């Protein structure tokens, strides 16, 4: 059985989130949470919250065991960019582009 969770409009670039996603893809879900806890990356916080949410969905909605789940798919896609402008020298303006990301994860049970 597959359990899905999504997190949208996160204030991080998709490229930085993908670095973390590639580390935990295919791992046991509980092991992935432990690895993410000690990662120094900003994206580790968002990915760990997403995996924890998917595990909670598996327990509450489908009555599955946490120890039987692994990260089958995890994807970080680009979200919309916010464009802000700041005054620059000699009457010009400097654009500030704030990226966002959409994360989605699929947890799957181990086959017996």
C-alpha atoms as a PDB file:
ATOM      1  CA  UNK A   1       0.000   0.000   0.000  1.00  0.00           C
ATOM      2  CA  UNK A   2       1.206   3.512  -0.848  1.00  0.00           C
ATOM      3  CA  UNK A   3       0.870   6.465   1.502  1.00  0.00           C
ATOM      4  CA  UNK A   4       1.320   9.966   0.085  1.00  0.00           C
ATOM      5  CA  UNK A   5       2.005  13.380   1.571  1.00  0.00           C
ATOM      6  CA  UNK A   6       2.624  16.766  -0.048  1.00  0.00           C
ATOM      7  CA  UNK A   7       4.046  20.038   1.143  1.00  0.00           C
ATOM      8  CA  UNK A   8       3.722  23.107  -1.057  1.00  0.00           C
ATOM      9  CA  UNK A   9       5.132  26.641  -1.249  1.00  0.00           C
ATOM     10  CA  UNK A  10       8.154  25.964   0.960  1.00  0.00           C
ATOM     11  CA  UNK A  11      10.611  28.893   1.199  1.00  0.00           C
ATOM     12  CA  UNK A  12      13.597  27.014  -0.244  1.00  0.00           C
ATOM     13  CA  UNK A  13      14.857  26.469  -3.770  1.00  0.00           C
ATOM     14  CA  UNK A  14      14.011  23.141  -5.379  1.00  0.00           C
ATOM     15  CA  UNK A  15      17.678  22.480  -6.139  1.00  0.00           C
ATOM     16  CA  UNK A  16      18.625  22.679  -2.452  1.00  0.00           C
ATOM     17  CA  UNK A  17      15.692  20.471  -1.481  1.00  0.00           C
ATOM     18  CA  UNK A  18      16.701  17.867  -4.096  1.00  0.00           C
ATOM     19  CA  UNK A  19      20.116  17.484  -2.455  1.00  0.00           C
ATOM     20  CA  UNK A  20      18.388  16.262   0.696  1.00  0.00           C
ATOM     21  CA  UNK A  21      15.774  14.190  -1.142  1.00  0.00           C
ATOM     22  CA  UNK A  22      18.442  12.235  -3.007  1.00  0.00           C
ATOM     23  CA  UNK A  23      20.028  11.227   0.307  1.00  0.00           C
ATOM     24  CA  UNK A  24      16.900   9.595   1.764  1.00  0.00           C
ATOM     25  CA  UNK A  25      15.317   8.059  -1.340  1.00  0.00           C
ATOM     26  CA  UNK A  26      14.942   4.289  -0.859  1.00  0.00           C
ATOM     27  CA  UNK A  27      15.712   4.386   2.887  1.00  0.00           C
ATOM     28  CA  UNK A  28      13.634   2.957   5.683  1.00  0.00           C
ATOM     29  CA  UNK A  29      11.295   5.740   6.877  1.00  0.00           C
ATOM     30  CA  UNK A  30      12.416   5.623  10.520  1.00  0.00           C
ATOM     31  CA  UNK A  31      16.086   5.561   9.477  1.00  0.00           C
ATOM     32  CA  UNK A  32      15.501   8.516   7.138  1.00  0.00           C
ATOM     33  CA  UNK A  33      14.124  10.591  10.027  1.00  0.00           C
ATOM     34  CA  UNK A  34      17.237   9.873  12.093  1.00  0.00           C
ATOM     35  CA  UNK A  35      19.562  10.782   9.212  1.00  0.00           C
ATOM     36  CA  UNK A  36      17.652  14.002   8.504  1.00  0.00           C
ATOM     37  CA  UNK A  37      17.792  15.047  12.153  1.00  0.00           C
ATOM     38  CA  UNK A  38      21.581  15.331  11.988  1.00  0.00           C
ATOM     39  CA  UNK A  39      21.883  16.865   8.503  1.00  0.00           C
ATOM     40  CA  UNK A  40      23.058  20.496   8.492  1.00  0.00           C
ATOM     41  CA  UNK A  41      20.996  21.467   5.422  1.00  0.00           C
ATOM     42  CA  UNK A  42      17.976  23.757   5.574  1.00  0.00           C
ATOM     43  CA  UNK A  43      15.961  21.344   3.441  1.00  0.00           C
ATOM     44  CA  UNK A  44      16.409  18.519   5.948  1.00  0.00           C
ATOM     45  CA  UNK A  45      13.930  20.216   8.288  1.00  0.00           C
ATOM     46  CA  UNK A  46      11.200  20.383   5.620  1.00  0.00           C
ATOM     47  CA  UNK A  47      11.804  16.845   4.339  1.00  0.00           C
ATOM     48  CA  UNK A  48      11.752  15.379   7.852  1.00  0.00           C
ATOM     49  CA  UNK A  49       8.440  17.091   8.612  1.00  0.00           C
ATOM     50  CA  UNK A  50       7.000  15.713   5.373  1.00  0.00           C
ATOM     51  CA  UNK A  51       8.130  12.135   6.058  1.00  0.00           C
ATOM     52  CA  UNK A  52       6.831  12.348   9.631  1.00  0.00           C
ATOM     53  CA  UNK A  53       3.477  13.538   8.267  1.00  0.00           C
ATOM     54  CA  UNK A  54       3.331  10.644   5.799  1.00  0.00           C
ATOM     55  CA  UNK A  55       4.115   8.181   8.618  1.00  0.00           C
ATOM     56  CA  UNK A  56       1.316   9.694  10.706  1.00  0.00           C
ATOM     57  CA  UNK A  57      -1.041   9.323   7.723  1.00  0.00           C
ATOM     58  CA  UNK A  58      -0.063   5.665   7.412  1.00  0.00           C
ATOM     59  CA  UNK A  59      -0.758   4.970  11.089  1.00  0.00           C
ATOM     60  CA  UNK A  60      -3.973   6.941  11.501  1.00  0.00           C
ATOM     61  CA  UNK A  61      -5.700   6.500   8.146  1.00  0.00           C
ATOM     62  CA  UNK A  62      -4.531   3.066   7.006  1.00  0.00           C
ATOM     63  CA  UNK A  63      -3.491   1.416  10.318  1.00  0.00           C
ATOM     64  CA  UNK A  64      -0.063   0.453   9.004  1.00  0.00           C
ATOM     65  CA  UNK A  65       3.062  -0.171  11.075  1.00  0.00           C
ATOM     66  CA  UNK A  66       5.790   2.507  11.047  1.00  0.00           C
ATOM     67  CA  UNK A  67       8.603  -0.052  10.905  1.00  0.00           C
ATOM     68  CA  UNK A  68       7.256  -1.580   7.672  1.00  0.00           C
ATOM     69  CA  UNK A  69       7.451   1.640   5.616  1.00  0.00           C
ATOM     70  CA  UNK A  70      10.203   2.918   3.323  1.00  0.00           C
ATOM     71  CA  UNK A  71      10.604   6.014   1.132  1.00  0.00           C
ATOM     72  CA  UNK A  72       9.629   4.759  -2.325  1.00  0.00           C
ATOM     73  CA  UNK A  73       9.470   8.132  -4.095  1.00  0.00           C
ATOM     74  CA  UNK A  74      10.405  11.635  -3.031  1.00  0.00           C
ATOM     75  CA  UNK A  75      10.340  14.588  -5.405  1.00  0.00           C
ATOM     76  CA  UNK A  76      11.194  18.288  -5.087  1.00  0.00           C
ATOM     77  CA  UNK A  77       9.676  20.460  -7.817  1.00  0.00           C
ATOM     78  CA  UNK A  78       9.882  24.193  -8.346  1.00  0.00           C
ATOM     79  CA  UNK A  79       7.127  26.416  -7.058  1.00  0.00           C
ATOM     80  CA  UNK A  80       6.355  30.004  -8.007  1.00  0.00           C
ATOM     81  CA  UNK A  81       9.039  32.641  -7.582  1.00  0.00           C
ATOM     82  CA  UNK A  82       8.306  35.829  -5.690  1.00  0.00           C
ATOM     83  CA  UNK A  83       9.859  38.864  -7.303  1.00  0.00           C
ATOM     84  CA  UNK A  84      10.839  41.715  -4.999  1.00  0.00           C
ATOM     85  CA  UNK A  85      12.777  44.846  -5.862  1.00  0.00           C
ATOM     86  CA  UNK A  86      15.274  46.856  -3.870  1.00  0.00           C
ATOM     87  CA  UNK A  87      16.613  50.285  -4.660  1.00  0.00           C
ATOM     88  CA  UNK A  88      20.116  50.283  -6.115  1.00  0.00           C
ATOM     89  CA  UNK A  89      22.729  52.890  -6.849  1.00  0.00           C
ATOM     90  CA  UNK A  90      22.094  55.794  -9.275  1.00  0.00           C
ATOM     91  CA  UNK A  91      18.323  55.415  -9.318  1.00  0.00           C
ATOM     92  CA  UNK A  92      18.290  51.811 -10.429  1.00  0.00           C
ATOM     93  CA  UNK A  93      16.616  48.844  -8.790  1.00  0.00           C
ATOM     94  CA  UNK A  94      17.956  45.395  -8.014  1.00  0.00           C
ATOM     95  CA  UNK A  95      15.652  42.380  -8.305  1.00  0.00           C
ATOM     96  CA  UNK A  96      15.454  39.925  -5.415  1.00  0.00           C
ATOM     97  CA  UNK A  97      13.983  36.598  -6.524  1.00  0.00           C
ATOM     98  CA  UNK A  98      12.701  34.361  -3.735  1.00  0.00           C
ATOM     99  CA  UNK A  99      12.226  30.757  -4.903  1.00  0.00           C
ATOM    100  CA  UNK A 100       9.787  28.232  -3.485  1.00  0.00           C
ATOM    101  CA  UNK A 101       9.456  24.453  -3.759  1.00  0.00           C
ATOM    102  CA  UNK A 102       6.796  21.751  -3.717  1.00  0.00           C
ATOM    103  CA  UNK A 103       7.728  18.440  -2.045  1.00  0.00           C
ATOM    104  CA  UNK A 104       5.885  15.153  -2.360  1.00  0.00           C
ATOM    105  CA  UNK A 105       6.691  11.771  -0.842  1.00  0.00           C
ATOM    106  CA  UNK A 106       5.308   8.259  -1.302  1.00  0.00           C
ATOM    107  CA  UNK A 107       5.886   5.702   1.447  1.00  0.00           C
ATOM    108  CA  UNK A 108       5.396   2.047   0.626  1.00  0.00           C
ATOM    109  CA  UNK A 109       5.196  -1.120   2.707  1.00  0.00           C
ATOM    110  CA  UNK A 110       7.899  -3.735   2.387  1.00  0.00           C
ATOM    111  CA  UNK A 111       6.800  -6.808   0.452  1.00  0.00           C
ATOM    112  CA  UNK A 112       6.581  -9.974   2.515  1.00  0.00           C
END
